[in-house]
Amino acid sequence: MKKMFMSLTGILLLLACNNKSTVDENAANTEAISIPSTEVAATVDSTSAPIMTFESSTYEFKKITSGQKVSYSFKFKNTGTTPLIISNAQATCGCTVPEYPRSPVPPGAEGAINVVYDSAGQTGMQAKIITLTSNAYPTTTQLVLKGQVM
């Protein structure tokens, strides 16, 4: 069991580091309360799973000066029929810090993933991916924060 958990954790880390240039705006996530997120994909019933519907899954901050911080709230609504539980939000690097609701989001309710990007020491085009894990279907959703650091 421990080896399987470690293998699945490694796979999630690889997925979190994937810098795709496109994001599926209708994607959703999967996980149960008592089961670690890495073991949920096989146990989620896609017909009754919550659905995370984002206003936008990409935010372009345009041009900023190196050292500036960018904050953005990715707003979403649970358009499914069961409570949404977000278990994790992970960015592709330590310069991007996501915060997510820790309590269940009821059907019809709204929430936000608040992200802060610190551009200190970075230059050029940037695309930071935030990977969410929840009990929605499918198991992960990706959000993108992008722009140019001068």
N, C-alpha and C. Protein backbone atom coordinates (compact mmCIF):
# COMPACT_ATOMS: atom_id res chain seq x y z
N MET A 1 0.83 -1.19 0.00
CA MET A 1 0.00 0.00 0.00
C MET A 1 0.87 1.26 0.00
N LYS A 2 1.95 1.21 0.82
CA LYS A 2 2.83 2.37 0.90
C LYS A 2 3.53 2.61 -0.43
N LYS A 3 3.96 1.53 -1.12
CA LYS A 3 4.61 1.68 -2.41
C LYS A 3 3.64 2.27 -3.43
N MET A 4 2.38 1.83 -3.40
CA MET A 4 1.39 2.34 -4.34
C MET A 4 1.14 3.83 -4.08
N PHE A 5 1.06 4.20 -2.80
CA PHE A 5 0.84 5.60 -2.45
C PHE A 5 2.01 6.45 -2.93
N MET A 6 3.24 5.98 -2.72
CA MET A 6 4.42 6.73 -3.14
C MET A 6 4.46 6.85 -4.67
N SER A 7 4.11 5.78 -5.39
CA SER A 7 4.09 5.82 -6.85
C SER A 7 3.07 6.82 -7.36
N LEU A 8 1.87 6.79 -6.77
CA LEU A 8 0.82 7.72 -7.20
C LEU A 8 1.18 9.16 -6.85
N THR A 9 1.86 9.35 -5.70
CA THR A 9 2.31 10.69 -5.33
C THR A 9 3.32 11.20 -6.36
N GLY A 10 4.22 10.32 -6.80
CA GLY A 10 5.20 10.70 -7.83
C GLY A 10 4.53 11.09 -9.13
N ILE A 11 3.50 10.36 -9.51
CA ILE A 11 2.77 10.68 -10.74
C ILE A 11 2.11 12.04 -10.62
N LEU A 12 1.49 12.33 -9.46
CA LEU A 12 0.87 13.64 -9.27
C LEU A 12 1.90 14.77 -9.34
N LEU A 13 3.08 14.53 -8.77
CA LEU A 13 4.12 15.56 -8.85
C LEU A 13 4.55 15.80 -10.29
N LEU A 14 4.66 14.73 -11.08
CA LEU A 14 4.99 14.92 -12.49
C LEU A 14 3.92 15.68 -13.22
N LEU A 15 2.65 15.39 -12.91
CA LEU A 15 1.56 16.12 -13.55
C LEU A 15 1.57 17.58 -13.14
N ALA A 16 1.93 17.87 -11.89
CA ALA A 16 1.97 19.25 -11.41
C ALA A 16 3.07 20.04 -12.10
N CYS A 17 4.11 19.38 -12.55
CA CYS A 17 5.22 20.05 -13.22
C CYS A 17 5.00 20.18 -14.72
N ASN A 18 3.90 19.67 -15.23
CA ASN A 18 3.62 19.72 -16.67
C ASN A 18 3.23 21.14 -17.05
N ASN A 19 4.01 21.79 -17.92
CA ASN A 19 3.75 23.17 -18.33
C ASN A 19 3.03 23.22 -19.66
N LYS A 20 1.83 22.68 -19.75
CA LYS A 20 1.05 22.73 -20.97
C LYS A 20 0.67 24.17 -21.27
N SER A 21 0.59 24.51 -22.53
CA SER A 21 0.22 25.87 -22.90
C SER A 21 -1.28 26.03 -23.00
N THR A 22 -2.01 24.93 -22.98
CA THR A 22 -3.46 25.02 -23.01
C THR A 22 -4.03 24.38 -21.77
N VAL A 23 -5.19 24.85 -21.36
CA VAL A 23 -5.85 24.33 -20.17
C VAL A 23 -7.29 24.05 -20.52
N ASP A 24 -7.77 22.91 -20.11
CA ASP A 24 -9.17 22.56 -20.34
C ASP A 24 -10.01 23.31 -19.32
N GLU A 25 -10.76 24.31 -19.77
CA GLU A 25 -11.53 25.14 -18.85
C GLU A 25 -12.71 24.41 -18.25
N ASN A 26 -13.10 23.29 -18.79
CA ASN A 26 -14.21 22.53 -18.24
C ASN A 26 -13.74 21.36 -17.39
N ALA A 27 -12.44 21.25 -17.17
CA ALA A 27 -11.91 20.14 -16.39
C ALA A 27 -12.34 20.27 -14.93
N ALA A 28 -12.39 19.14 -14.24
CA ALA A 28 -12.74 19.14 -12.82
C ALA A 28 -11.85 18.13 -12.10
N ASN A 29 -12.05 17.97 -10.78
CA ASN A 29 -11.16 17.17 -9.95
C ASN A 29 -11.89 16.05 -9.23
N THR A 30 -11.10 15.14 -8.58
CA THR A 30 -11.71 13.99 -7.90
C THR A 30 -11.01 13.63 -6.60
N GLU A 31 -11.77 13.36 -5.54
CA GLU A 31 -11.24 12.81 -4.31
C GLU A 31 -12.30 12.67 -3.23
N ALA A 32 -12.14 11.75 -2.30
CA ALA A 32 -13.06 11.55 -1.20
C ALA A 32 -12.44 12.02 0.09
N ILE A 33 -13.26 12.29 1.11
CA ILE A 33 -12.78 12.85 2.36
C ILE A 33 -11.77 11.94 3.06
N SER A 34 -12.07 10.67 3.23
CA SER A 34 -11.21 9.80 4.00
C SER A 34 -10.16 9.07 3.18
N ILE A 35 -10.13 9.27 1.89
CA ILE A 35 -9.19 8.58 1.03
C ILE A 35 -8.20 9.59 0.48
N PRO A 36 -6.88 9.31 0.56
CA PRO A 36 -5.92 10.24 -0.03
C PRO A 36 -6.22 10.48 -1.50
N SER A 37 -5.97 11.71 -1.96
CA SER A 37 -6.32 12.10 -3.32
C SER A 37 -5.69 11.22 -4.39
N THR A 38 -4.55 10.61 -4.10
CA THR A 38 -3.88 9.79 -5.09
C THR A 38 -4.59 8.48 -5.34
N GLU A 39 -5.51 8.08 -4.46
CA GLU A 39 -6.20 6.81 -4.60
C GLU A 39 -7.65 6.96 -5.02
N VAL A 40 -8.10 8.16 -5.33
CA VAL A 40 -9.51 8.41 -5.53
C VAL A 40 -10.03 8.15 -6.94
N ALA A 41 -9.22 8.33 -7.95
CA ALA A 41 -9.69 8.26 -9.32
C ALA A 41 -10.53 7.03 -9.60
N ALA A 42 -10.17 5.91 -9.03
CA ALA A 42 -10.89 4.68 -9.29
C ALA A 42 -12.19 4.57 -8.49
N THR A 43 -12.36 5.42 -7.45
CA THR A 43 -13.51 5.29 -6.58
C THR A 43 -14.58 6.35 -6.76
N VAL A 44 -14.35 7.35 -7.59
CA VAL A 44 -15.31 8.44 -7.76
C VAL A 44 -16.36 8.08 -8.80
N ASP A 45 -17.62 8.31 -8.45
CA ASP A 45 -18.73 8.09 -9.38
C ASP A 45 -18.92 9.38 -10.17
N SER A 46 -18.54 9.38 -11.43
CA SER A 46 -18.57 10.60 -12.24
C SER A 46 -19.98 11.14 -12.44
N THR A 47 -21.01 10.33 -12.27
CA THR A 47 -22.38 10.81 -12.47
C THR A 47 -22.90 11.63 -11.30
N SER A 48 -22.35 11.42 -10.10
CA SER A 48 -22.82 12.19 -8.95
C SER A 48 -21.73 13.07 -8.34
N ALA A 49 -20.57 13.14 -8.99
CA ALA A 49 -19.46 13.94 -8.47
C ALA A 49 -19.76 15.44 -8.60
N PRO A 50 -19.18 16.24 -7.71
CA PRO A 50 -19.31 17.70 -7.85
C PRO A 50 -18.64 18.17 -9.15
N ILE A 51 -19.02 19.37 -9.60
CA ILE A 51 -18.43 19.94 -10.81
C ILE A 51 -17.92 21.34 -10.48
N MET A 52 -16.63 21.58 -10.73
CA MET A 52 -16.05 22.91 -10.52
C MET A 52 -16.14 23.66 -11.83
N THR A 53 -16.92 24.73 -11.85
CA THR A 53 -17.07 25.55 -13.04
C THR A 53 -16.41 26.90 -12.77
N PHE A 54 -15.32 27.18 -13.48
CA PHE A 54 -14.56 28.42 -13.28
C PHE A 54 -15.03 29.50 -14.23
N GLU A 55 -15.01 30.76 -13.76
CA GLU A 55 -15.27 31.90 -14.63
C GLU A 55 -14.19 31.92 -15.71
N SER A 56 -12.94 31.66 -15.30
CA SER A 56 -11.81 31.56 -16.22
C SER A 56 -10.73 30.74 -15.53
N SER A 57 -10.07 29.88 -16.29
CA SER A 57 -9.01 29.07 -15.70
C SER A 57 -7.62 29.63 -16.01
N THR A 58 -7.58 30.79 -16.69
CA THR A 58 -6.31 31.44 -17.01
C THR A 58 -6.40 32.92 -16.66
N TYR A 59 -5.33 33.43 -16.05
CA TYR A 59 -5.23 34.86 -15.79
C TYR A 59 -3.91 35.36 -16.36
N GLU A 60 -3.99 36.38 -17.22
CA GLU A 60 -2.79 36.97 -17.80
C GLU A 60 -2.52 38.30 -17.12
N PHE A 61 -1.37 38.38 -16.41
CA PHE A 61 -1.04 39.61 -15.68
C PHE A 61 -0.27 40.60 -16.54
N LYS A 62 -0.10 40.33 -17.80
CA LYS A 62 0.57 41.21 -18.78
C LYS A 62 2.05 41.39 -18.41
N LYS A 63 2.53 42.66 -18.28
CA LYS A 63 3.93 42.92 -17.98
C LYS A 63 4.07 43.49 -16.57
N ILE A 64 5.06 42.95 -15.84
CA ILE A 64 5.38 43.47 -14.51
C ILE A 64 6.89 43.56 -14.38
N THR A 65 7.35 44.28 -13.37
CA THR A 65 8.77 44.42 -13.09
C THR A 65 9.20 43.31 -12.13
N SER A 66 10.39 42.76 -12.36
CA SER A 66 10.91 41.71 -11.49
C SER A 66 10.87 42.18 -10.03
N GLY A 67 10.34 41.35 -9.17
CA GLY A 67 10.19 41.69 -7.75
C GLY A 67 8.77 42.02 -7.36
N GLN A 68 7.93 42.34 -8.33
CA GLN A 68 6.53 42.62 -8.04
C GLN A 68 5.79 41.33 -7.72
N LYS A 69 4.73 41.47 -6.93
CA LYS A 69 3.85 40.34 -6.62
C LYS A 69 2.52 40.55 -7.33
N VAL A 70 1.98 39.45 -7.84
CA VAL A 70 0.69 39.47 -8.53
C VAL A 70 -0.26 38.59 -7.73
N SER A 71 -1.46 39.11 -7.44
CA SER A 71 -2.49 38.33 -6.75
C SER A 71 -3.69 38.21 -7.66
N TYR A 72 -4.33 37.03 -7.63
CA TYR A 72 -5.53 36.82 -8.42
C TYR A 72 -6.41 35.77 -7.75
N SER A 73 -7.72 35.95 -7.87
CA SER A 73 -8.68 34.98 -7.34
C SER A 73 -9.39 34.31 -8.51
N PHE A 74 -9.17 33.00 -8.65
CA PHE A 74 -9.87 32.20 -9.65
C PHE A 74 -11.21 31.80 -9.03
N LYS A 75 -12.29 32.44 -9.49
CA LYS A 75 -13.61 32.19 -8.92
C LYS A 75 -14.26 30.99 -9.60
N PHE A 76 -14.94 30.17 -8.78
CA PHE A 76 -15.61 28.99 -9.32
C PHE A 76 -16.95 28.79 -8.62
N LYS A 77 -17.76 27.92 -9.21
CA LYS A 77 -19.04 27.55 -8.64
C LYS A 77 -19.15 26.03 -8.68
N ASN A 78 -19.71 25.44 -7.63
CA ASN A 78 -19.97 24.01 -7.63
C ASN A 78 -21.30 23.81 -8.33
N THR A 79 -21.26 23.41 -9.60
CA THR A 79 -22.48 23.22 -10.38
C THR A 79 -22.95 21.76 -10.35
N GLY A 80 -22.33 20.96 -9.48
CA GLY A 80 -22.73 19.56 -9.32
C GLY A 80 -23.86 19.43 -8.30
N THR A 81 -24.15 18.20 -7.93
CA THR A 81 -25.25 17.92 -7.00
C THR A 81 -24.78 17.46 -5.63
N THR A 82 -23.47 17.37 -5.41
CA THR A 82 -22.92 16.97 -4.12
C THR A 82 -21.86 17.97 -3.68
N PRO A 83 -21.54 18.02 -2.37
CA PRO A 83 -20.53 18.97 -1.89
C PRO A 83 -19.16 18.74 -2.51
N LEU A 84 -18.49 19.83 -2.82
CA LEU A 84 -17.15 19.81 -3.40
C LEU A 84 -16.14 19.94 -2.28
N ILE A 85 -15.16 19.04 -2.27
CA ILE A 85 -14.10 19.08 -1.26
C ILE A 85 -12.77 19.16 -1.99
N ILE A 86 -12.10 20.30 -1.84
CA ILE A 86 -10.78 20.48 -2.45
C ILE A 86 -9.76 20.02 -1.42
N SER A 87 -8.93 19.07 -1.80
CA SER A 87 -7.96 18.51 -0.86
C SER A 87 -6.56 19.08 -1.01
N ASN A 88 -6.27 19.66 -2.17
CA ASN A 88 -4.92 20.18 -2.38
C ASN A 88 -4.89 21.19 -3.52
N ALA A 89 -3.99 22.14 -3.42
CA ALA A 89 -3.70 23.09 -4.50
C ALA A 89 -2.19 23.25 -4.51
N GLN A 90 -1.57 22.88 -5.63
CA GLN A 90 -0.12 22.89 -5.70
C GLN A 90 0.33 23.62 -6.96
N ALA A 91 1.32 24.50 -6.79
CA ALA A 91 1.86 25.27 -7.92
C ALA A 91 3.12 24.60 -8.44
N THR A 92 3.52 25.00 -9.67
CA THR A 92 4.69 24.41 -10.30
C THR A 92 6.00 24.87 -9.67
N CYS A 93 5.98 25.95 -8.90
CA CYS A 93 7.20 26.37 -8.21
C CYS A 93 6.83 27.10 -6.92
N GLY A 94 7.84 27.31 -6.07
CA GLY A 94 7.62 27.95 -4.78
C GLY A 94 7.30 29.43 -4.86
N CYS A 95 7.47 30.04 -6.03
CA CYS A 95 7.19 31.46 -6.20
C CYS A 95 5.69 31.73 -6.32
N THR A 96 4.89 30.69 -6.45
CA THR A 96 3.44 30.81 -6.61
C THR A 96 2.76 30.08 -5.47
N VAL A 97 1.94 30.81 -4.70
CA VAL A 97 1.31 30.22 -3.53
C VAL A 97 -0.21 30.27 -3.68
N PRO A 98 -0.85 29.10 -3.80
CA PRO A 98 -2.32 29.06 -3.90
C PRO A 98 -2.96 28.81 -2.53
N GLU A 99 -4.12 29.40 -2.30
CA GLU A 99 -4.93 29.14 -1.11
C GLU A 99 -6.30 28.71 -1.60
N TYR A 100 -6.90 27.71 -0.94
CA TYR A 100 -8.18 27.17 -1.39
C TYR A 100 -9.11 26.97 -0.20
N PRO A 101 -10.41 26.88 -0.44
CA PRO A 101 -11.36 26.67 0.65
C PRO A 101 -11.10 25.33 1.33
N ARG A 102 -11.02 25.32 2.65
CA ARG A 102 -10.75 24.10 3.41
C ARG A 102 -12.04 23.36 3.78
N SER A 103 -13.16 24.05 3.74
CA SER A 103 -14.43 23.40 4.07
C SER A 103 -15.18 23.05 2.79
N PRO A 104 -16.09 22.07 2.85
CA PRO A 104 -16.84 21.67 1.66
C PRO A 104 -17.62 22.84 1.05
N VAL A 105 -17.68 22.87 -0.28
CA VAL A 105 -18.44 23.88 -1.00
C VAL A 105 -19.74 23.20 -1.45
N PRO A 106 -20.89 23.61 -0.89
CA PRO A 106 -22.16 22.97 -1.22
C PRO A 106 -22.55 23.17 -2.68
N PRO A 107 -23.43 22.30 -3.20
CA PRO A 107 -23.93 22.49 -4.57
C PRO A 107 -24.54 23.88 -4.73
N GLY A 108 -24.20 24.56 -5.81
CA GLY A 108 -24.72 25.90 -6.07
C GLY A 108 -23.92 27.02 -5.43
N ALA A 109 -23.02 26.68 -4.51
CA ALA A 109 -22.23 27.71 -3.82
C ALA A 109 -20.99 28.07 -4.64
N GLU A 110 -20.43 29.24 -4.33
CA GLU A 110 -19.24 29.72 -5.02
C GLU A 110 -18.05 29.73 -4.09
N GLY A 111 -16.88 29.72 -4.68
CA GLY A 111 -15.63 29.78 -3.92
C GLY A 111 -14.56 30.40 -4.78
N ALA A 112 -13.34 30.46 -4.23
CA ALA A 112 -12.22 31.04 -4.98
C ALA A 112 -10.92 30.36 -4.60
N ILE A 113 -10.04 30.27 -5.58
CA ILE A 113 -8.67 29.83 -5.37
C ILE A 113 -7.84 31.10 -5.47
N ASN A 114 -7.30 31.56 -4.34
CA ASN A 114 -6.50 32.78 -4.31
C ASN A 114 -5.04 32.43 -4.54
N VAL A 115 -4.41 33.12 -5.51
CA VAL A 115 -3.04 32.82 -5.88
C VAL A 115 -2.19 34.08 -5.79
N VAL A 116 -0.99 33.94 -5.20
CA VAL A 116 -0.02 35.03 -5.15
C VAL A 116 1.25 34.54 -5.83
N TYR A 117 1.71 35.32 -6.83
CA TYR A 117 2.94 35.01 -7.57
C TYR A 117 3.97 36.08 -7.24
N ASP A 118 5.16 35.67 -6.77
CA ASP A 118 6.25 36.57 -6.46
C ASP A 118 7.29 36.45 -7.57
N SER A 119 7.48 37.52 -8.33
CA SER A 119 8.36 37.49 -9.50
C SER A 119 9.83 37.78 -9.17
N ALA A 120 10.17 37.88 -7.90
CA ALA A 120 11.55 38.19 -7.52
C ALA A 120 12.52 37.18 -8.14
N GLY A 121 13.55 37.70 -8.82
CA GLY A 121 14.58 36.87 -9.41
C GLY A 121 14.19 36.21 -10.72
N GLN A 122 13.06 36.58 -11.28
CA GLN A 122 12.61 35.97 -12.53
C GLN A 122 12.49 37.03 -13.62
N THR A 123 12.74 36.62 -14.87
CA THR A 123 12.55 37.50 -16.01
C THR A 123 12.02 36.69 -17.17
N GLY A 124 11.43 37.39 -18.14
CA GLY A 124 10.92 36.74 -19.34
C GLY A 124 9.48 36.29 -19.17
N MET A 125 9.01 35.53 -20.16
CA MET A 125 7.64 35.02 -20.14
C MET A 125 7.52 33.96 -19.05
N GLN A 126 6.44 34.04 -18.29
CA GLN A 126 6.20 33.11 -17.20
C GLN A 126 4.81 32.50 -17.35
N ALA A 127 4.70 31.22 -17.03
CA ALA A 127 3.41 30.52 -17.00
C ALA A 127 3.45 29.60 -15.79
N LYS A 128 2.73 29.96 -14.76
CA LYS A 128 2.70 29.19 -13.52
C LYS A 128 1.39 28.40 -13.48
N ILE A 129 1.50 27.10 -13.29
CA ILE A 129 0.33 26.23 -13.29
C ILE A 129 0.01 25.81 -11.86
N ILE A 130 -1.24 25.94 -11.49
CA ILE A 130 -1.73 25.52 -10.18
C ILE A 130 -2.62 24.30 -10.42
N THR A 131 -2.27 23.20 -9.80
CA THR A 131 -3.03 21.96 -9.96
C THR A 131 -3.88 21.73 -8.72
N LEU A 132 -5.19 21.62 -8.93
CA LEU A 132 -6.13 21.38 -7.83
C LEU A 132 -6.51 19.91 -7.81
N THR A 133 -6.66 19.37 -6.62
CA THR A 133 -7.15 18.01 -6.44
C THR A 133 -8.39 18.09 -5.58
N SER A 134 -9.47 17.42 -6.01
CA SER A 134 -10.72 17.48 -5.26
C SER A 134 -11.51 16.19 -5.46
N ASN A 135 -12.75 16.20 -4.99
CA ASN A 135 -13.60 15.03 -5.16
C ASN A 135 -14.51 15.17 -6.38
N ALA A 136 -14.20 16.12 -7.25
CA ALA A 136 -14.96 16.29 -8.50
C ALA A 136 -14.41 15.30 -9.53
N TYR A 137 -14.99 15.31 -10.70
CA TYR A 137 -14.52 14.41 -11.75
C TYR A 137 -14.10 15.21 -12.97
N PRO A 138 -12.87 15.01 -13.51
CA PRO A 138 -11.79 14.11 -13.12
C PRO A 138 -11.02 14.62 -11.90
N THR A 139 -9.99 13.91 -11.51
CA THR A 139 -9.31 14.19 -10.24
C THR A 139 -8.60 15.52 -10.16
N THR A 140 -8.14 16.07 -11.26
CA THR A 140 -7.38 17.32 -11.18
C THR A 140 -7.89 18.37 -12.16
N THR A 141 -7.67 19.61 -11.77
CA THR A 141 -7.97 20.77 -12.62
C THR A 141 -6.75 21.66 -12.59
N GLN A 142 -6.39 22.25 -13.73
CA GLN A 142 -5.25 23.14 -13.78
C GLN A 142 -5.69 24.57 -14.06
N LEU A 143 -5.08 25.49 -13.30
CA LEU A 143 -5.28 26.92 -13.48
C LEU A 143 -3.94 27.51 -13.92
N VAL A 144 -3.97 28.56 -14.71
CA VAL A 144 -2.72 29.14 -15.23
C VAL A 144 -2.66 30.64 -14.93
N LEU A 145 -1.52 31.06 -14.42
CA LEU A 145 -1.21 32.46 -14.18
C LEU A 145 -0.02 32.75 -15.10
N LYS A 146 -0.18 33.71 -16.04
CA LYS A 146 0.91 33.93 -16.98
C LYS A 146 1.10 35.42 -17.30
N GLY A 147 2.30 35.73 -17.78
CA GLY A 147 2.63 37.09 -18.15
C GLY A 147 4.13 37.23 -18.34
N GLN A 148 4.58 38.47 -18.50
CA GLN A 148 5.99 38.74 -18.75
C GLN A 148 6.58 39.53 -17.60
N VAL A 149 7.74 39.07 -17.14
CA VAL A 149 8.48 39.77 -16.07
C VAL A 149 9.64 40.50 -16.72
N MET A 150 9.67 41.82 -16.52
CA MET A 150 10.70 42.67 -17.14
C MET A 150 11.89 42.81 -16.21
